[in-house]
Amino acid sequence: MRISNALCAERDAEDAIRQVALNVCSTGHPAIIYISRITKDMNFEHFLSFGVNEDARQATKTLDAFLIPVLNRAIASDEVFFKNFDKAFLESFPNVHFKYRPGWKSVVIFSINGLFLVTITIHVDSEAASLHTEYFAVVKLLLSVYLTQLLNNSAARTAHHPKANNDLHGKPLTARQNDILSMIRDGLTNITIAAKLGYSESLIKQETIAIYQKLGIEGRKEINHTDY
């Protein structure tokens, strides 16, 4: 399975999710994938995504799982759910105005260990998609293993290298790093930041690593918990 190979081979998490999105739908069309961390107060924090614009990424920050039955149900269950991607579905998100996009027919929804909520929007209607429940259960299992490994790797780095590189920790950010930090806080991906600033993605990755080291944090998940 291409998805399994991608999750095993790709070292960069964003690239791995991109490969999942490009291969998960039976029609051959790319999917929209949004993976969020579920906080203790049942809100959502963006973790990884593909095909999600910045407006939608920002909008999800206001979501409360308790107010959205389908998300609440997914979090409380091990099942994979299928919903039509239509105006009725979009209107079930209170105070969030997602744009309806023709061509997208259904959303596959599942939670992973009560830690992550995953939505995969595809070009197959929900009735047809539900015939492939076992397939999406395997996709869920693969993502579960991958995301769990990401968390374990992060915890291991923290244990062996507490709060990053001492040579950079505490040093002031450059003007460019401040610009990148601001965009990271706005939820922009490395690819989007690179395009906006006119740099290569690899340079942005290097700069984000330097930012994390200077701030003494492990990654994006801790950005909004700093006072910088």
Protein backbone atom coordinates (compact mmCIF):
# COMPACT_ATOMS: atom_id res chain seq x y z
CA MET A 1 0.00 0.00 0.00
CA ARG A 2 1.40 3.39 -1.03
CA ILE A 3 0.14 5.00 2.15
CA SER A 4 2.06 2.55 4.31
CA ASN A 5 5.22 3.11 2.24
CA ALA A 6 4.85 6.88 2.50
CA LEU A 7 4.44 6.84 6.26
CA CYS A 8 7.47 4.57 6.61
CA ALA A 9 9.72 6.42 4.15
CA GLU A 10 8.98 10.12 4.68
CA ARG A 11 10.92 11.72 7.49
CA ASP A 12 9.07 15.02 7.27
CA ALA A 13 5.56 14.76 8.74
CA GLU A 14 4.04 17.30 6.35
CA ASP A 15 5.44 15.39 3.36
CA ALA A 16 4.08 12.14 4.78
CA ILE A 17 0.56 13.54 5.15
CA ARG A 18 0.79 14.98 1.64
CA GLN A 19 1.53 11.51 0.27
CA VAL A 20 -1.42 10.08 2.21
CA ALA A 21 -3.68 12.76 0.73
CA LEU A 22 -2.47 12.03 -2.80
CA ASN A 23 -3.10 8.30 -2.50
CA VAL A 24 -6.03 7.72 -0.13
CA CYS A 25 -8.98 8.36 -2.50
CA SER A 26 -10.01 5.59 -4.91
CA THR A 27 -10.80 8.14 -7.66
CA GLY A 28 -7.16 9.22 -7.82
CA HIS A 29 -8.04 12.77 -6.77
CA PRO A 30 -6.09 14.30 -3.88
CA ALA A 31 -7.96 14.37 -0.58
CA ILE A 32 -8.16 17.16 1.98
CA ILE A 33 -6.72 15.98 5.29
CA TYR A 34 -6.98 17.80 8.60
CA ILE A 35 -5.47 16.32 11.76
CA SER A 36 -5.97 18.16 15.03
CA ARG A 37 -4.86 17.49 18.58
CA ILE A 38 -7.73 17.22 21.04
CA THR A 39 -7.06 19.38 24.08
CA LYS A 40 -8.10 18.57 27.63
CA ASP A 41 -10.95 21.09 27.37
CA MET A 42 -12.15 19.40 24.14
CA ASN A 43 -11.00 22.10 21.76
CA PHE A 44 -8.75 21.53 18.78
CA GLU A 45 -5.18 22.45 17.93
CA HIS A 46 -3.94 22.12 14.35
CA PHE A 47 -1.33 19.36 14.07
CA LEU A 48 -0.95 18.38 10.41
CA SER A 49 -2.95 19.02 7.26
CA PHE A 50 -3.00 19.01 3.48
CA GLY A 51 -5.23 21.10 1.21
CA VAL A 52 -6.59 23.25 4.06
CA ASN A 53 -6.52 27.01 3.52
CA GLU A 54 -5.49 29.42 6.24
CA ASP A 55 -9.04 30.69 6.85
CA ALA A 56 -10.26 27.17 7.62
CA ARG A 57 -7.21 26.49 9.77
CA GLN A 58 -7.91 29.59 11.84
CA ALA A 59 -11.62 28.83 12.04
CA THR A 60 -11.05 25.44 13.67
CA LYS A 61 -9.40 27.13 16.64
CA THR A 62 -12.87 28.23 17.79
CA LEU A 63 -14.44 24.78 17.55
CA ASP A 64 -15.78 23.10 20.67
CA ALA A 65 -16.20 19.35 20.22
CA PHE A 66 -19.09 19.25 22.68
CA LEU A 67 -21.14 21.48 20.36
CA ILE A 68 -20.62 19.37 17.22
CA PRO A 69 -22.39 16.00 17.50
CA VAL A 70 -20.50 14.19 14.75
CA LEU A 71 -17.11 15.19 16.18
CA ASN A 72 -18.20 14.41 19.73
CA ARG A 73 -19.40 11.00 18.56
CA ALA A 74 -16.13 10.31 16.72
CA ILE A 75 -14.01 11.22 19.73
CA ALA A 76 -16.04 8.92 21.98
CA SER A 77 -15.89 5.99 19.57
CA ASP A 78 -13.36 3.79 17.80
CA GLU A 79 -15.50 3.75 14.68
CA VAL A 80 -14.91 5.39 11.31
CA PHE A 81 -17.77 7.70 10.30
CA PHE A 82 -18.83 8.88 6.86
CA LYS A 83 -20.75 12.12 6.27
CA ASN A 84 -21.88 13.80 3.06
CA PHE A 85 -19.80 16.90 2.39
CA ASP A 86 -22.73 19.22 1.77
CA LYS A 87 -24.12 22.49 3.05
CA ALA A 88 -25.98 20.74 5.87
CA PHE A 89 -22.71 19.25 7.12
CA LEU A 90 -20.91 22.59 6.94
CA GLU A 91 -23.75 24.34 8.75
CA SER A 92 -23.40 21.90 11.67
CA PHE A 93 -20.28 23.81 12.75
CA PRO A 94 -21.55 26.71 14.89
CA ASN A 95 -20.02 30.15 14.33
CA VAL A 96 -17.65 28.81 11.65
CA HIS A 97 -18.24 29.65 7.99
CA PHE A 98 -16.59 27.06 5.78
CA LYS A 99 -16.99 27.49 2.04
CA TYR A 100 -18.85 24.76 0.15
CA ARG A 101 -16.57 23.34 -2.54
CA PRO A 102 -18.28 21.38 -5.34
CA GLY A 103 -16.59 18.11 -6.26
CA TRP A 104 -15.90 17.07 -2.69
CA LYS A 105 -18.57 14.51 -1.82
CA SER A 106 -17.92 13.06 1.62
CA VAL A 107 -15.88 13.33 4.79
CA VAL A 108 -14.31 10.38 6.58
CA ILE A 109 -14.04 11.12 10.32
CA PHE A 110 -12.30 9.23 13.10
CA SER A 111 -10.36 9.82 16.29
CA ILE A 112 -7.08 8.23 17.31
CA ASN A 113 -6.66 7.22 20.94
CA GLY A 114 -8.66 10.24 22.08
CA LEU A 115 -5.62 12.39 21.18
CA PHE A 116 -6.23 13.24 17.54
CA LEU A 117 -9.24 13.91 15.36
CA VAL A 118 -8.79 13.14 11.66
CA THR A 119 -11.02 14.28 8.79
CA ILE A 120 -10.40 13.16 5.21
CA THR A 121 -12.52 14.85 2.55
CA ILE A 122 -12.78 12.83 -0.68
CA HIS A 123 -14.45 12.72 -4.11
CA VAL A 124 -16.60 9.68 -3.30
CA ASP A 125 -20.07 10.01 -1.77
CA SER A 126 -20.58 8.75 1.77
CA GLU A 127 -22.71 5.76 0.75
CA ALA A 128 -20.02 4.48 -1.62
CA ALA A 129 -17.21 5.33 0.81
CA SER A 130 -18.94 3.44 3.62
CA LEU A 131 -18.65 0.26 1.54
CA HIS A 132 -14.92 0.54 2.13
CA THR A 133 -15.06 0.77 5.92
CA GLU A 134 -12.36 -1.88 6.31
CA TYR A 135 -10.04 0.07 4.01
CA PHE A 136 -10.43 3.27 6.01
CA ALA A 137 -10.02 1.29 9.24
CA VAL A 138 -6.59 0.29 7.91
CA VAL A 139 -5.83 3.93 7.03
CA LYS A 140 -6.79 4.84 10.59
CA LEU A 141 -4.49 2.14 11.98
CA LEU A 142 -1.56 3.32 9.84
CA LEU A 143 -2.06 6.92 10.90
CA SER A 144 -2.41 5.83 14.52
CA VAL A 145 0.96 4.08 14.42
CA TYR A 146 2.57 7.03 12.63
CA LEU A 147 1.19 9.75 14.92
CA THR A 148 1.98 7.75 18.04
CA GLN A 149 5.56 7.37 16.81
CA LEU A 150 5.76 11.13 16.22
CA LEU A 151 4.75 11.75 19.82
CA ASN A 152 7.18 9.14 21.12
CA ASN A 153 10.04 10.60 19.07
CA SER A 154 9.26 14.06 20.41
CA ALA A 155 9.22 12.76 23.98
CA ALA A 156 12.54 10.95 23.41
CA ARG A 157 14.17 14.11 22.06
CA THR A 158 12.94 16.02 25.06
CA ALA A 159 14.35 13.40 27.44
CA HIS A 160 17.76 13.27 25.79
CA HIS A 161 18.07 16.92 24.79
CA PRO A 162 16.10 18.94 27.33
CA LYS A 163 14.84 22.12 25.77
CA ALA A 164 17.15 22.14 22.76
CA ASN A 165 20.57 23.47 21.80
CA ASN A 166 22.38 25.37 24.56
CA ASP A 167 24.43 27.29 21.99
CA LEU A 168 21.30 28.99 20.64
CA HIS A 169 18.90 28.86 23.58
CA GLY A 170 18.07 32.36 24.77
CA LYS A 171 19.62 34.19 21.84
CA PRO A 172 17.44 36.81 20.10
CA LEU A 173 15.65 35.95 16.87
CA THR A 174 16.70 37.61 13.64
CA ALA A 175 14.25 39.81 11.74
CA ARG A 176 13.57 36.98 9.31
CA GLN A 177 13.06 34.50 12.14
CA ASN A 178 10.57 36.88 13.75
CA ASP A 179 8.64 37.01 10.48
CA ILE A 180 8.64 33.22 10.25
CA LEU A 181 7.59 32.89 13.91
CA SER A 182 4.64 35.19 13.30
CA MET A 183 3.52 33.08 10.33
CA ILE A 184 3.93 29.84 12.28
CA ARG A 185 1.68 31.30 14.99
CA ASP A 186 -0.86 32.07 12.27
CA GLY A 187 -0.84 28.39 11.36
CA LEU A 188 1.01 28.65 8.04
CA THR A 189 2.92 25.61 6.80
CA ASN A 190 6.60 25.70 5.83
CA ILE A 191 5.64 25.54 2.15
CA THR A 192 3.31 28.54 2.47
CA ILE A 193 5.88 30.53 4.46
CA ALA A 194 8.54 29.78 1.84
CA ALA A 195 6.23 31.00 -0.94
CA LYS A 196 5.32 34.19 0.93
CA LEU A 197 8.93 35.07 1.77
CA GLY A 198 10.46 33.88 -1.50
CA TYR A 199 12.80 31.31 0.09
CA SER A 200 13.19 27.56 -0.37
CA GLU A 201 11.25 25.22 1.91
CA SER A 202 14.54 23.72 3.15
CA LEU A 203 15.71 27.14 4.31
CA ILE A 204 12.44 27.70 6.17
CA LYS A 205 12.87 24.31 7.85
CA GLN A 206 16.37 25.28 8.97
CA GLU A 207 15.13 28.60 10.28
CA THR A 208 12.25 27.00 12.18
CA ILE A 209 14.70 24.61 13.85
CA ALA A 210 16.83 27.58 14.88
CA ILE A 211 13.72 29.35 16.21
CA TYR A 212 12.77 26.32 18.31
CA GLN A 213 16.30 26.10 19.70
CA LYS A 214 16.43 29.79 20.59
CA LEU A 215 13.04 29.60 22.28
CA GLY A 216 13.89 26.33 24.02
CA ILE A 217 10.92 24.43 22.62
CA GLU A 218 10.43 21.20 20.68
CA GLY A 219 8.20 22.36 17.84
CA ARG A 220 5.05 24.06 16.59
CA LYS A 221 2.87 22.58 19.32
CA GLU A 222 4.68 24.71 21.92
CA ILE A 223 4.88 27.95 19.91
CA ASN A 224 1.77 29.53 21.39
CA HIS A 225 2.90 28.68 24.94
CA THR A 226 5.94 30.96 24.73
CA ASP A 227 6.05 34.59 25.81
CA TYR A 228 8.34 35.67 22.97
